[in-house]
Amino acid sequence: MKRDKALDKALNNRIKDSLSYGFEFQMMRRILVEAERKKKHSFVLGLSLISMVSAGMIVATICFLMYYVPFSIHLTLPDISISPETQSLFILYCYIALLVLVLLGLDAYYRSLRQKKNEKES
C-alpha cells in the first residue's frame, strides 16, 4: 500500500515541461534498439559456442581414432572374374537392375508431373 502511494506520488510529481518533444518515443526506440542488439549478440555468442564445441568434439574423435583405435583403411576391390557359365546370369542381373532403375526414374518423373498438375489446379 505504501509502495503504491509512493509510486503515485512520484508519477504525479514528475516534470513534464522539461522533457523535449518526442522524448519518450526516442527513449523507447533506443531501448528497443539496445534490446535487439543484445538479442543478436546472444544469438551470435550461442552460435559460436556451439560451433566451437562441435569442432572440439570432431577433433577429439579424430585424435581418439588416430591414437587409440588400431585400424587401417585399405580398400581393395575384389577381383571379379566372370566365367562363361555365369555370364548369362550376370547379364540377366544387369538387365533386371537396369529395368528397376528405368522404372524408378519413370515413377519419379510421373509423380512430379502429377504434383505440378495438382499445384496448378489448387
PDB file of N, CA and C in Angstrom:
ATOM      1  N   MET A   1       0.824  -1.191   0.000  1.00  0.00           N
ATOM      2  CA  MET A   1       0.000   0.000   0.000  1.00  0.00           C
ATOM      3  C   MET A   1       0.871   1.259   0.000  1.00  0.00           C
ATOM      4  N   LYS A   2       1.904   1.260   0.845  1.00  0.00           N
ATOM      5  CA  LYS A   2       2.796   2.414   0.887  1.00  0.00           C
ATOM      6  C   LYS A   2       3.559   2.544  -0.427  1.00  0.00           C
ATOM      7  N   ARG A   3       3.875   1.405  -1.011  1.00  0.00           N
ATOM      8  CA  ARG A   3       4.607   1.426  -2.266  1.00  0.00           C
ATOM      9  C   ARG A   3       3.752   2.032  -3.370  1.00  0.00           C
ATOM     10  N   ASP A   4       2.480   1.693  -3.415  1.00  0.00           N
ATOM     11  CA  ASP A   4       1.584   2.256  -4.421  1.00  0.00           C
ATOM     12  C   ASP A   4       1.449   3.767  -4.249  1.00  0.00           C
ATOM     13  N   LYS A   5       1.367   4.212  -3.031  1.00  0.00           N
ATOM     14  CA  LYS A   5       1.267   5.653  -2.779  1.00  0.00           C
ATOM     15  C   LYS A   5       2.540   6.359  -3.210  1.00  0.00           C
ATOM     16  N   ALA A   6       3.682   5.733  -2.945  1.00  0.00           N
ATOM     17  CA  ALA A   6       4.949   6.340  -3.324  1.00  0.00           C
ATOM     18  C   ALA A   6       5.087   6.390  -4.842  1.00  0.00           C
ATOM     19  N   LEU A   7       4.623   5.352  -5.513  1.00  0.00           N
ATOM     20  CA  LEU A   7       4.676   5.325  -6.969  1.00  0.00           C
ATOM     21  C   LEU A   7       3.741   6.372  -7.559  1.00  0.00           C
ATOM     22  N   ASP A   8       2.534   6.489  -7.010  1.00  0.00           N
ATOM     23  CA  ASP A   8       1.604   7.521  -7.484  1.00  0.00           C
ATOM     24  C   ASP A   8       2.162   8.925  -7.248  1.00  0.00           C
ATOM     25  N   LYS A   9       2.774   9.116  -6.121  1.00  0.00           N
ATOM     26  CA  LYS A   9       3.343  10.430  -5.814  1.00  0.00           C
ATOM     27  C   LYS A   9       4.482  10.769  -6.770  1.00  0.00           C
ATOM     28  N   ALA A  10       5.329   9.771  -7.078  1.00  0.00           N
ATOM     29  CA  ALA A  10       6.447  10.007  -7.988  1.00  0.00           C
ATOM     30  C   ALA A  10       5.949  10.298  -9.394  1.00  0.00           C
ATOM     31  N   LEU A  11       4.924   9.599  -9.824  1.00  0.00           N
ATOM     32  CA  LEU A  11       4.389   9.827 -11.163  1.00  0.00           C
ATOM     33  C   LEU A  11       3.684  11.185 -11.267  1.00  0.00           C
ATOM     34  N   ASN A  12       3.020  11.578 -10.240  1.00  0.00           N
ATOM     35  CA  ASN A  12       2.325  12.861 -10.251  1.00  0.00           C
ATOM     36  C   ASN A  12       3.294  14.035 -10.149  1.00  0.00           C
ATOM     37  N   ASN A  13       4.419  13.837  -9.526  1.00  0.00           N
ATOM     38  CA  ASN A  13       5.368  14.928  -9.311  1.00  0.00           C
ATOM     39  C   ASN A  13       6.386  15.094 -10.442  1.00  0.00           C
ATOM     40  N   ARG A  14       6.354  14.228 -11.424  1.00  0.00           N
ATOM     41  CA  ARG A  14       7.356  14.371 -12.487  1.00  0.00           C
ATOM     42  C   ARG A  14       7.090  15.641 -13.289  1.00  0.00           C
ATOM     43  N   ILE A  15       8.146  16.193 -13.790  1.00  0.00           N
ATOM     44  CA  ILE A  15       8.061  17.453 -14.506  1.00  0.00           C
ATOM     45  C   ILE A  15       7.917  17.152 -15.988  1.00  0.00           C
ATOM     46  N   LYS A  16       6.774  17.522 -16.560  1.00  0.00           N
ATOM     47  CA  LYS A  16       6.526  17.252 -17.971  1.00  0.00           C
ATOM     48  C   LYS A  16       7.063  18.361 -18.868  1.00  0.00           C
ATOM     49  N   ASP A  17       7.207  19.534 -18.372  1.00  0.00           N
ATOM     50  CA  ASP A  17       7.634  20.660 -19.197  1.00  0.00           C
ATOM     51  C   ASP A  17       9.109  20.577 -19.570  1.00  0.00           C
ATOM     52  N   SER A  18       9.923  19.934 -18.743  1.00  0.00           N
ATOM     53  CA  SER A  18      11.349  19.932 -19.016  1.00  0.00           C
ATOM     54  C   SER A  18      11.755  18.888 -20.066  1.00  0.00           C
ATOM     55  N   LEU A  19      10.864  17.953 -20.381  1.00  0.00           N
ATOM     56  CA  LEU A  19      11.190  16.943 -21.378  1.00  0.00           C
ATOM     57  C   LEU A  19      10.922  17.485 -22.775  1.00  0.00           C
ATOM     58  N   SER A  20      11.818  17.160 -23.699  1.00  0.00           N
ATOM     59  CA  SER A  20      11.643  17.630 -25.071  1.00  0.00           C
ATOM     60  C   SER A  20      10.541  16.834 -25.762  1.00  0.00           C
ATOM     61  N   TYR A  21      10.111  17.375 -26.883  1.00  0.00           N
ATOM     62  CA  TYR A  21       9.040  16.733 -27.639  1.00  0.00           C
ATOM     63  C   TYR A  21       9.546  15.393 -28.200  1.00  0.00           C
ATOM     64  N   GLY A  22       8.794  14.333 -27.993  1.00  0.00           N
ATOM     65  CA  GLY A  22       9.165  13.023 -28.500  1.00  0.00           C
ATOM     66  C   GLY A  22      10.221  12.319 -27.671  1.00  0.00           C
ATOM     67  N   PHE A  23      10.446  12.786 -26.452  1.00  0.00           N
ATOM     68  CA  PHE A  23      11.480  12.185 -25.614  1.00  0.00           C
ATOM     69  C   PHE A  23      11.155  10.726 -25.316  1.00  0.00           C
ATOM     70  N   GLU A  24       9.899  10.469 -24.951  1.00  0.00           N
ATOM     71  CA  GLU A  24       9.508   9.100 -24.615  1.00  0.00           C
ATOM     72  C   GLU A  24       9.622   8.187 -25.831  1.00  0.00           C
ATOM     73  N   PHE A  25       9.236   8.691 -27.007  1.00  0.00           N
ATOM     74  CA  PHE A  25       9.344   7.896 -28.229  1.00  0.00           C
ATOM     75  C   PHE A  25      10.801   7.574 -28.541  1.00  0.00           C
ATOM     76  N   GLN A  26      11.667   8.587 -28.425  1.00  0.00           N
ATOM     77  CA  GLN A  26      13.088   8.369 -28.694  1.00  0.00           C
ATOM     78  C   GLN A  26      13.701   7.400 -27.687  1.00  0.00           C
ATOM     79  N   MET A  27      13.287   7.537 -26.433  1.00  0.00           N
ATOM     80  CA  MET A  27      13.823   6.657 -25.394  1.00  0.00           C
ATOM     81  C   MET A  27      13.370   5.207 -25.639  1.00  0.00           C
ATOM     82  N   MET A  28      12.123   5.010 -26.000  1.00  0.00           N
ATOM     83  CA  MET A  28      11.623   3.663 -26.279  1.00  0.00           C
ATOM     84  C   MET A  28      12.330   3.078 -27.503  1.00  0.00           C
ATOM     85  N   ARG A  29      12.579   3.921 -28.502  1.00  0.00           N
ATOM     86  CA  ARG A  29      13.289   3.452 -29.696  1.00  0.00           C
ATOM     87  C   ARG A  29      14.703   3.011 -29.326  1.00  0.00           C
ATOM     88  N   ARG A  30      15.373   3.783 -28.491  1.00  0.00           N
ATOM     89  CA  ARG A  30      16.718   3.416 -28.047  1.00  0.00           C
ATOM     90  C   ARG A  30      16.700   2.111 -27.249  1.00  0.00           C
ATOM     91  N   ILE A  31      15.691   1.968 -26.402  1.00  0.00           N
ATOM     92  CA  ILE A  31      15.578   0.742 -25.599  1.00  0.00           C
ATOM     93  C   ILE A  31      15.349  -0.457 -26.503  1.00  0.00           C
ATOM     94  N   LEU A  32      14.491  -0.317 -27.512  1.00  0.00           N
ATOM     95  CA  LEU A  32      14.226  -1.418 -28.434  1.00  0.00           C
ATOM     96  C   LEU A  32      15.460  -1.754 -29.276  1.00  0.00           C
ATOM     97  N   VAL A  33      16.204  -0.741 -29.700  1.00  0.00           N
ATOM     98  CA  VAL A  33      17.431  -0.982 -30.461  1.00  0.00           C
ATOM     99  C   VAL A  33      18.444  -1.719 -29.602  1.00  0.00           C
ATOM    100  N   GLU A  34      18.574  -1.310 -28.356  1.00  0.00           N
ATOM    101  CA  GLU A  34      19.508  -1.966 -27.444  1.00  0.00           C
ATOM    102  C   GLU A  34      19.083  -3.402 -27.161  1.00  0.00           C
ATOM    103  N   ALA A  35      17.785  -3.631 -26.988  1.00  0.00           N
ATOM    104  CA  ALA A  35      17.294  -4.996 -26.762  1.00  0.00           C
ATOM    105  C   ALA A  35      17.559  -5.871 -27.989  1.00  0.00           C
ATOM    106  N   GLU A  36      17.362  -5.332 -29.174  1.00  0.00           N
ATOM    107  CA  GLU A  36      17.633  -6.079 -30.402  1.00  0.00           C
ATOM    108  C   GLU A  36      19.124  -6.378 -30.536  1.00  0.00           C
ATOM    109  N   ARG A  37      19.959  -5.427 -30.175  1.00  0.00           N
ATOM    110  CA  ARG A  37      21.397  -5.638 -30.231  1.00  0.00           C
ATOM    111  C   ARG A  37      21.824  -6.737 -29.264  1.00  0.00           C
ATOM    112  N   LYS A  38      21.275  -6.726 -28.055  1.00  0.00           N
ATOM    113  CA  LYS A  38      21.604  -7.770 -27.079  1.00  0.00           C
ATOM    114  C   LYS A  38      21.119  -9.132 -27.552  1.00  0.00           C
ATOM    115  N   LYS A  39      19.960  -9.163 -28.195  1.00  0.00           N
ATOM    116  CA  LYS A  39      19.426 -10.418 -28.710  1.00  0.00           C
ATOM    117  C   LYS A  39      20.335 -10.973 -29.805  1.00  0.00           C
ATOM    118  N   LYS A  40      20.775 -10.117 -30.728  1.00  0.00           N
ATOM    119  CA  LYS A  40      21.684 -10.556 -31.787  1.00  0.00           C
ATOM    120  C   LYS A  40      23.012 -11.013 -31.201  1.00  0.00           C
ATOM    121  N   HIS A  41      23.498 -10.269 -30.215  1.00  0.00           N
ATOM    122  CA  HIS A  41      24.771 -10.615 -29.577  1.00  0.00           C
ATOM    123  C   HIS A  41      24.682 -11.988 -28.915  1.00  0.00           C
ATOM    124  N   SER A  42      23.602 -12.247 -28.202  1.00  0.00           N
ATOM    125  CA  SER A  42      23.461 -13.547 -27.541  1.00  0.00           C
ATOM    126  C   SER A  42      23.302 -14.667 -28.565  1.00  0.00           C
ATOM    127  N   PHE A  43      22.633 -14.401 -29.686  1.00  0.00           N
ATOM    128  CA  PHE A  43      22.494 -15.409 -30.744  1.00  0.00           C
ATOM    129  C   PHE A  43      23.856 -15.748 -31.342  1.00  0.00           C
ATOM    130  N   VAL A  44      24.649 -14.729 -31.652  1.00  0.00           N
ATOM    131  CA  VAL A  44      25.979 -14.955 -32.227  1.00  0.00           C
ATOM    132  C   VAL A  44      26.875 -15.667 -31.220  1.00  0.00           C
ATOM    133  N   LEU A  45      26.787 -15.288 -29.971  1.00  0.00           N
ATOM    134  CA  LEU A  45      27.597 -15.930 -28.937  1.00  0.00           C
ATOM    135  C   LEU A  45      27.214 -17.397 -28.797  1.00  0.00           C
ATOM    136  N   GLY A  46      25.924 -17.695 -28.775  1.00  0.00           N
ATOM    137  CA  GLY A  46      25.474 -19.083 -28.683  1.00  0.00           C
ATOM    138  C   GLY A  46      25.886 -19.895 -29.883  1.00  0.00           C
ATOM    139  N   LEU A  47      25.772 -19.307 -31.054  1.00  0.00           N
ATOM    140  CA  LEU A  47      26.159 -20.000 -32.278  1.00  0.00           C
ATOM    141  C   LEU A  47      27.659 -20.282 -32.303  1.00  0.00           C
ATOM    142  N   SER A  48      28.450 -19.320 -31.863  1.00  0.00           N
ATOM    143  CA  SER A  48      29.902 -19.530 -31.841  1.00  0.00           C
ATOM    144  C   SER A  48      30.293 -20.581 -30.797  1.00  0.00           C
ATOM    145  N   LEU A  49      29.618 -20.594 -29.663  1.00  0.00           N
ATOM    146  CA  LEU A  49      29.919 -21.605 -28.654  1.00  0.00           C
ATOM    147  C   LEU A  49      29.550 -22.999 -29.145  1.00  0.00           C
ATOM    148  N   ILE A  50      28.411 -23.119 -29.795  1.00  0.00           N
ATOM    149  CA  ILE A  50      28.011 -24.414 -30.347  1.00  0.00           C
ATOM    150  C   ILE A  50      29.007 -24.865 -31.408  1.00  0.00           C
ATOM    151  N   SER A  51      29.456 -23.940 -32.245  1.00  0.00           N
ATOM    152  CA  SER A  51      30.428 -24.286 -33.285  1.00  0.00           C
ATOM    153  C   SER A  51      31.754 -24.741 -32.672  1.00  0.00           C
ATOM    154  N   MET A  52      32.205 -24.044 -31.646  1.00  0.00           N
ATOM    155  CA  MET A  52      33.470 -24.423 -31.009  1.00  0.00           C
ATOM    156  C   MET A  52      33.362 -25.788 -30.338  1.00  0.00           C
ATOM    157  N   VAL A  53      32.247 -26.047 -29.668  1.00  0.00           N
ATOM    158  CA  VAL A  53      32.071 -27.344 -29.010  1.00  0.00           C
ATOM    159  C   VAL A  53      32.005 -28.455 -30.056  1.00  0.00           C
ATOM    160  N   SER A  54      31.307 -28.211 -31.153  1.00  0.00           N
ATOM    161  CA  SER A  54      31.235 -29.217 -32.217  1.00  0.00           C
ATOM    162  C   SER A  54      32.603 -29.484 -32.821  1.00  0.00           C
ATOM    163  N   ALA A  55      33.355 -28.427 -33.096  1.00  0.00           N
ATOM    164  CA  ALA A  55      34.703 -28.605 -33.640  1.00  0.00           C
ATOM    165  C   ALA A  55      35.589 -29.359 -32.651  1.00  0.00           C
ATOM    166  N   GLY A  56      35.461 -29.057 -31.381  1.00  0.00           N
ATOM    167  CA  GLY A  56      36.241 -29.767 -30.362  1.00  0.00           C
ATOM    168  C   GLY A  56      35.887 -31.244 -30.301  1.00  0.00           C
ATOM    169  N   MET A  57      34.601 -31.550 -30.430  1.00  0.00           N
ATOM    170  CA  MET A  57      34.194 -32.952 -30.427  1.00  0.00           C
ATOM    171  C   MET A  57      34.731 -33.689 -31.651  1.00  0.00           C
ATOM    172  N   ILE A  58      34.738 -33.020 -32.800  1.00  0.00           N
ATOM    173  CA  ILE A  58      35.274 -33.644 -34.015  1.00  0.00           C
ATOM    174  C   ILE A  58      36.768 -33.895 -33.864  1.00  0.00           C
ATOM    175  N   VAL A  59      37.491 -32.908 -33.342  1.00  0.00           N
ATOM    176  CA  VAL A  59      38.937 -33.065 -33.141  1.00  0.00           C
ATOM    177  C   VAL A  59      39.218 -34.175 -32.133  1.00  0.00           C
ATOM    178  N   ALA A  60      38.443 -34.228 -31.058  1.00  0.00           N
ATOM    179  CA  ALA A  60      38.646 -35.275 -30.052  1.00  0.00           C
ATOM    180  C   ALA A  60      38.367 -36.653 -30.640  1.00  0.00           C
ATOM    181  N   THR A  61      37.352 -36.762 -31.469  1.00  0.00           N
ATOM    182  CA  THR A  61      37.047 -38.045 -32.103  1.00  0.00           C
ATOM    183  C   THR A  61      38.173 -38.463 -33.039  1.00  0.00           C
ATOM    184  N   ILE A  62      38.679 -37.530 -33.821  1.00  0.00           N
ATOM    185  CA  ILE A  62      39.782 -37.847 -34.739  1.00  0.00           C
ATOM    186  C   ILE A  62      41.024 -38.273 -33.961  1.00  0.00           C
ATOM    187  N   CYS A  63      41.341 -37.552 -32.887  1.00  0.00           N
ATOM    188  CA  CYS A  63      42.506 -37.917 -32.070  1.00  0.00           C
ATOM    189  C   CYS A  63      42.317 -39.297 -31.443  1.00  0.00           C
ATOM    190  N   PHE A  64      41.122 -39.562 -30.950  1.00  0.00           N
ATOM    191  CA  PHE A  64      40.835 -40.870 -30.358  1.00  0.00           C
ATOM    192  C   PHE A  64      41.012 -41.974 -31.387  1.00  0.00           C
ATOM    193  N   LEU A  65      40.482 -41.759 -32.577  1.00  0.00           N
ATOM    194  CA  LEU A  65      40.605 -42.782 -33.618  1.00  0.00           C
ATOM    195  C   LEU A  65      42.043 -42.965 -34.077  1.00  0.00           C
ATOM    196  N   MET A  66      42.811 -41.884 -34.124  1.00  0.00           N
ATOM    197  CA  MET A  66      44.190 -41.977 -34.605  1.00  0.00           C
ATOM    198  C   MET A  66      45.104 -42.670 -33.593  1.00  0.00           C
ATOM    199  N   TYR A  67      44.934 -42.369 -32.301  1.00  0.00           N
ATOM    200  CA  TYR A  67      45.896 -42.834 -31.317  1.00  0.00           C
ATOM    201  C   TYR A  67      45.453 -44.055 -30.510  1.00  0.00           C
ATOM    202  N   TYR A  68      44.156 -44.308 -30.415  1.00  0.00           N
ATOM    203  CA  TYR A  68      43.709 -45.374 -29.528  1.00  0.00           C
ATOM    204  C   TYR A  68      43.006 -46.531 -30.238  1.00  0.00           C
ATOM    205  N   VAL A  69      42.616 -46.356 -31.469  1.00  0.00           N
ATOM    206  CA  VAL A  69      41.933 -47.432 -32.185  1.00  0.00           C
ATOM    207  C   VAL A  69      42.821 -47.878 -33.338  1.00  0.00           C
ATOM    208  N   PRO A  70      43.345 -49.100 -33.261  1.00  0.00           N
ATOM    209  CA  PRO A  70      44.206 -49.567 -34.348  1.00  0.00           C
ATOM    210  C   PRO A  70      43.373 -50.083 -35.527  1.00  0.00           C
ATOM    211  N   PHE A  71      43.433 -49.393 -36.614  1.00  0.00           N
ATOM    212  CA  PHE A  71      42.772 -49.848 -37.830  1.00  0.00           C
ATOM    213  C   PHE A  71      43.489 -49.230 -39.015  1.00  0.00           C
ATOM    214  N   SER A  72      43.302 -49.837 -40.145  1.00  0.00           N
ATOM    215  CA  SER A  72      43.896 -49.289 -41.349  1.00  0.00           C
ATOM    216  C   SER A  72      42.818 -49.239 -42.428  1.00  0.00           C
ATOM    217  N   ILE A  73      42.930 -48.241 -43.235  1.00  0.00           N
ATOM    218  CA  ILE A  73      41.949 -48.063 -44.288  1.00  0.00           C
ATOM    219  C   ILE A  73      42.604 -48.483 -45.603  1.00  0.00           C
ATOM    220  N   HIS A  74      42.444 -49.726 -45.930  1.00  0.00           N
ATOM    221  CA  HIS A  74      42.927 -50.244 -47.204  1.00  0.00           C
ATOM    222  C   HIS A  74      41.727 -50.813 -47.933  1.00  0.00           C
ATOM    223  N   LEU A  75      41.225 -50.056 -48.852  1.00  0.00           N
ATOM    224  CA  LEU A  75      40.076 -50.509 -49.604  1.00  0.00           C
ATOM    225  C   LEU A  75      40.568 -51.192 -50.878  1.00  0.00           C
ATOM    226  N   THR A  76      40.313 -52.443 -50.964  1.00  0.00           N
ATOM    227  CA  THR A  76      40.679 -53.180 -52.173  1.00  0.00           C
ATOM    228  C   THR A  76      39.410 -53.741 -52.791  1.00  0.00           C
ATOM    229  N   LEU A  77      39.315 -53.599 -54.059  1.00  0.00           N
ATOM    230  CA  LEU A  77      38.167 -54.133 -54.769  1.00  0.00           C
ATOM    231  C   LEU A  77      38.398 -55.607 -55.059  1.00  0.00           C
ATOM    232  N   PRO A  78      37.379 -56.410 -54.913  1.00  0.00           N
ATOM    233  CA  PRO A  78      37.561 -57.834 -55.201  1.00  0.00           C
ATOM    234  C   PRO A  78      37.760 -58.051 -56.702  1.00  0.00           C
ATOM    235  N   ASP A  79      38.488 -59.072 -57.010  1.00  0.00           N
ATOM    236  CA  ASP A  79      38.740 -59.408 -58.406  1.00  0.00           C
ATOM    237  C   ASP A  79      37.516 -60.149 -58.948  1.00  0.00           C
ATOM    238  N   ILE A  80      36.823 -59.509 -59.865  1.00  0.00           N
ATOM    239  CA  ILE A  80      35.617 -60.100 -60.421  1.00  0.00           C
ATOM    240  C   ILE A  80      35.991 -60.836 -61.699  1.00  0.00           C
ATOM    241  N   SER A  81      35.777 -62.095 -61.683  1.00  0.00           N
ATOM    242  CA  SER A  81      36.039 -62.887 -62.877  1.00  0.00           C
ATOM    243  C   SER A  81      34.740 -63.561 -63.287  1.00  0.00           C
ATOM    244  N   ILE A  82      34.339 -63.305 -64.497  1.00  0.00           N
ATOM    245  CA  ILE A  82      33.082 -63.850 -64.996  1.00  0.00           C
ATOM    246  C   ILE A  82      33.403 -65.030 -65.894  1.00  0.00           C
ATOM    247  N   SER A  83      32.976 -66.181 -65.457  1.00  0.00           N
ATOM    248  CA  SER A  83      33.198 -67.380 -66.259  1.00  0.00           C
ATOM    249  C   SER A  83      32.086 -67.493 -67.300  1.00  0.00           C
ATOM    250  N   PRO A  84      32.293 -68.247 -68.336  1.00  0.00           N
ATOM    251  CA  PRO A  84      31.248 -68.400 -69.364  1.00  0.00           C
ATOM    252  C   PRO A  84      29.947 -68.998 -68.830  1.00  0.00           C
ATOM    253  N   GLU A  85      30.013 -69.763 -67.752  1.00  0.00           N
ATOM    254  CA  GLU A  85      28.806 -70.341 -67.177  1.00  0.00           C
ATOM    255  C   GLU A  85      27.956 -69.284 -66.470  1.00  0.00           C
ATOM    256  N   THR A  86      28.624 -68.330 -65.844  1.00  0.00           N
ATOM    257  CA  THR A  86      27.886 -67.308 -65.087  1.00  0.00           C
ATOM    258  C   THR A  86      27.644 -66.036 -65.888  1.00  0.00           C
ATOM    259  N   GLN A  87      28.140 -65.979 -67.104  1.00  0.00           N
ATOM    260  CA  GLN A  87      27.988 -64.765 -67.895  1.00  0.00           C
ATOM    261  C   GLN A  87      26.524 -64.477 -68.217  1.00  0.00           C
ATOM    262  N   SER A  88      25.769 -65.495 -68.588  1.00  0.00           N
ATOM    263  CA  SER A  88      24.354 -65.276 -68.914  1.00  0.00           C
ATOM    264  C   SER A  88      23.575 -64.836 -67.676  1.00  0.00           C
ATOM    265  N   LEU A  89      23.900 -65.399 -66.526  1.00  0.00           N
ATOM    266  CA  LEU A  89      23.247 -64.996 -65.283  1.00  0.00           C
ATOM    267  C   LEU A  89      23.611 -63.555 -64.924  1.00  0.00           C
ATOM    268  N   PHE A  90      24.862 -63.173 -65.131  1.00  0.00           N
ATOM    269  CA  PHE A  90      25.312 -61.813 -64.862  1.00  0.00           C
ATOM    270  C   PHE A  90      24.588 -60.817 -65.772  1.00  0.00           C
ATOM    271  N   ILE A  91      24.421 -61.161 -67.034  1.00  0.00           N
ATOM    272  CA  ILE A  91      23.697 -60.291 -67.968  1.00  0.00           C
ATOM    273  C   ILE A  91      22.241 -60.148 -67.538  1.00  0.00           C
ATOM    274  N   LEU A  92      21.618 -61.238 -67.083  1.00  0.00           N
ATOM    275  CA  LEU A  92      20.235 -61.183 -66.600  1.00  0.00           C
ATOM    276  C   LEU A  92      20.123 -60.255 -65.396  1.00  0.00           C
ATOM    277  N   TYR A  93      21.050 -60.347 -64.446  1.00  0.00           N
ATOM    278  CA  TYR A  93      21.022 -59.478 -63.271  1.00  0.00           C
ATOM    279  C   TYR A  93      21.204 -58.006 -63.662  1.00  0.00           C
ATOM    280  N   CYS A  94      22.096 -57.743 -64.597  1.00  0.00           N
ATOM    281  CA  CYS A  94      22.296 -56.363 -65.060  1.00  0.00           C
ATOM    282  C   CYS A  94      21.033 -55.844 -65.743  1.00  0.00           C
ATOM    283  N   TYR A  95      20.365 -56.692 -66.529  1.00  0.00           N
ATOM    284  CA  TYR A  95      19.118 -56.293 -67.190  1.00  0.00           C
ATOM    285  C   TYR A  95      18.047 -55.961 -66.165  1.00  0.00           C
ATOM    286  N   ILE A  96      17.918 -56.769 -65.135  1.00  0.00           N
ATOM    287  CA  ILE A  96      16.912 -56.527 -64.091  1.00  0.00           C
ATOM    288  C   ILE A  96      17.231 -55.231 -63.349  1.00  0.00           C
ATOM    289  N   ALA A  97      18.502 -54.997 -63.039  1.00  0.00           N
ATOM    290  CA  ALA A  97      18.886 -53.769 -62.342  1.00  0.00           C
ATOM    291  C   ALA A  97      18.605 -52.539 -63.197  1.00  0.00           C
ATOM    292  N   LEU A  98      18.911 -52.629 -64.491  1.00  0.00           N
ATOM    293  CA  LEU A  98      18.638 -51.518 -65.398  1.00  0.00           C
ATOM    294  C   LEU A  98      17.141 -51.262 -65.512  1.00  0.00           C
ATOM    295  N   LEU A  99      16.363 -52.321 -65.589  1.00  0.00           N
ATOM    296  CA  LEU A  99      14.911 -52.198 -65.661  1.00  0.00           C
ATOM    297  C   LEU A  99      14.343 -51.530 -64.408  1.00  0.00           C
ATOM    298  N   VAL A 100      14.851 -51.903 -63.248  1.00  0.00           N
ATOM    299  CA  VAL A 100      14.402 -51.291 -61.987  1.00  0.00           C
ATOM    300  C   VAL A 100      14.743 -49.805 -61.971  1.00  0.00           C
ATOM    301  N   LEU A 101      15.945 -49.451 -62.411  1.00  0.00           N
ATOM    302  CA  LEU A 101      16.336 -48.038 -62.437  1.00  0.00           C
ATOM    303  C   LEU A 101      15.465 -47.236 -63.393  1.00  0.00           C
ATOM    304  N   VAL A 102      15.160 -47.783 -64.556  1.00  0.00           N
ATOM    305  CA  VAL A 102      14.306 -47.084 -65.516  1.00  0.00           C
ATOM    306  C   VAL A 102      12.912 -46.893 -64.944  1.00  0.00           C
ATOM    307  N   LEU A 103      12.358 -47.945 -64.322  1.00  0.00           N
ATOM    308  CA  LEU A 103      11.018 -47.831 -63.743  1.00  0.00           C
ATOM    309  C   LEU A 103      10.977 -46.831 -62.593  1.00  0.00           C
ATOM    310  N   LEU A 104      12.018 -46.799 -61.774  1.00  0.00           N
ATOM    311  CA  LEU A 104      12.066 -45.807 -60.694  1.00  0.00           C
ATOM    312  C   LEU A 104      12.154 -44.390 -61.254  1.00  0.00           C
ATOM    313  N   GLY A 105      12.935 -44.208 -62.305  1.00  0.00           N
ATOM    314  CA  GLY A 105      13.029 -42.887 -62.932  1.00  0.00           C
ATOM    315  C   GLY A 105      11.705 -42.445 -63.524  1.00  0.00           C
ATOM    316  N   LEU A 106      11.012 -43.355 -64.211  1.00  0.00           N
ATOM    317  CA  LEU A 106       9.689 -43.014 -64.761  1.00  0.00           C
ATOM    318  C   LEU A 106       8.695 -42.690 -63.660  1.00  0.00           C
ATOM    319  N   ASP A 107       8.751 -43.441 -62.560  1.00  0.00           N
ATOM    320  CA  ASP A 107       7.854 -43.178 -61.436  1.00  0.00           C
ATOM    321  C   ASP A 107       8.091 -41.775 -60.880  1.00  0.00           C
ATOM    322  N   ALA A 108       9.345 -41.411 -60.696  1.00  0.00           N
ATOM    323  CA  ALA A 108       9.648 -40.071 -60.170  1.00  0.00           C
ATOM    324  C   ALA A 108       9.212 -38.993 -61.145  1.00  0.00           C
ATOM    325  N   TYR A 109       9.400 -39.229 -62.438  1.00  0.00           N
ATOM    326  CA  TYR A 109       9.003 -38.241 -63.450  1.00  0.00           C
ATOM    327  C   TYR A 109       7.490 -38.036 -63.457  1.00  0.00           C
ATOM    328  N   TYR A 110       6.728 -39.133 -63.451  1.00  0.00           N
ATOM    329  CA  TYR A 110       5.267 -39.003 -63.471  1.00  0.00           C
ATOM    330  C   TYR A 110       4.714 -38.441 -62.164  1.00  0.00           C
ATOM    331  N   ARG A 111       5.368 -38.732 -61.050  1.00  0.00           N
ATOM    332  CA  ARG A 111       4.930 -38.125 -59.785  1.00  0.00           C
ATOM    333  C   ARG A 111       5.121 -36.608 -59.809  1.00  0.00           C
ATOM    334  N   SER A 112       6.247 -36.162 -60.372  1.00  0.00           N
ATOM    335  CA  SER A 112       6.480 -34.709 -60.433  1.00  0.00           C
ATOM    336  C   SER A 112       5.476 -34.048 -61.378  1.00  0.00           C
ATOM    337  N   LEU A 113       5.132 -34.720 -62.494  1.00  0.00           N
ATOM    338  CA  LEU A 113       4.111 -34.167 -63.394  1.00  0.00           C
ATOM    339  C   LEU A 113       2.764 -34.058 -62.690  1.00  0.00           C
ATOM    340  N   ARG A 114       2.396 -35.096 -61.950  1.00  0.00           N
ATOM    341  CA  ARG A 114       1.114 -35.083 -61.246  1.00  0.00           C
ATOM    342  C   ARG A 114       1.106 -34.018 -60.153  1.00  0.00           C
ATOM    343  N   GLN A 115       2.231 -33.858 -59.479  1.00  0.00           N
ATOM    344  CA  GLN A 115       2.308 -32.840 -58.427  1.00  0.00           C
ATOM    345  C   GLN A 115       2.177 -31.438 -59.021  1.00  0.00           C
ATOM    346  N   LYS A 116       2.820 -31.186 -60.158  1.00  0.00           N
ATOM    347  CA  LYS A 116       2.696 -29.876 -60.823  1.00  0.00           C
ATOM    348  C   LYS A 116       1.270 -29.640 -61.279  1.00  0.00           C
ATOM    349  N   LYS A 117       0.612 -30.673 -61.771  1.00  0.00           N
ATOM    350  CA  LYS A 117      -0.778 -30.542 -62.209  1.00  0.00           C
ATOM    351  C   LYS A 117      -1.690 -30.211 -61.029  1.00  0.00           C
ATOM    352  N   ASN A 118      -1.464 -30.851 -59.893  1.00  0.00           N
ATOM    353  CA  ASN A 118      -2.273 -30.585 -58.695  1.00  0.00           C
ATOM    354  C   ASN A 118      -2.026 -29.190 -58.156  1.00  0.00           C
ATOM    355  N   GLU A 119      -0.790 -28.694 -58.271  1.00  0.00           N
ATOM    356  CA  GLU A 119      -0.495 -27.337 -57.806  1.00  0.00           C
ATOM    357  C   GLU A 119      -1.168 -26.298 -58.680  1.00  0.00           C
ATOM    358  N   LYS A 120      -1.258 -26.552 -59.985  1.00  0.00           N
ATOM    359  CA  LYS A 120      -1.906 -25.609 -60.898  1.00  0.00           C
ATOM    360  C   LYS A 120      -3.413 -25.568 -60.654  1.00  0.00           C
ATOM    361  N   GLU A 121      -4.008 -26.716 -60.308  1.00  0.00           N
ATOM    362  CA  GLU A 121      -5.443 -26.756 -60.058  1.00  0.00           C
ATOM    363  C   GLU A 121      -5.806 -26.096 -58.738  1.00  0.00           C
ATOM    364  N   SER A 122      -4.892 -26.111 -57.782  1.00  0.00           N
ATOM    365  CA  SER A 122      -5.187 -25.537 -56.456  1.00  0.00           C
ATOM    366  C   SER A 122      -5.170 -24.038 -56.460  1.00  0.00           C
TER     367      SER A 122
END
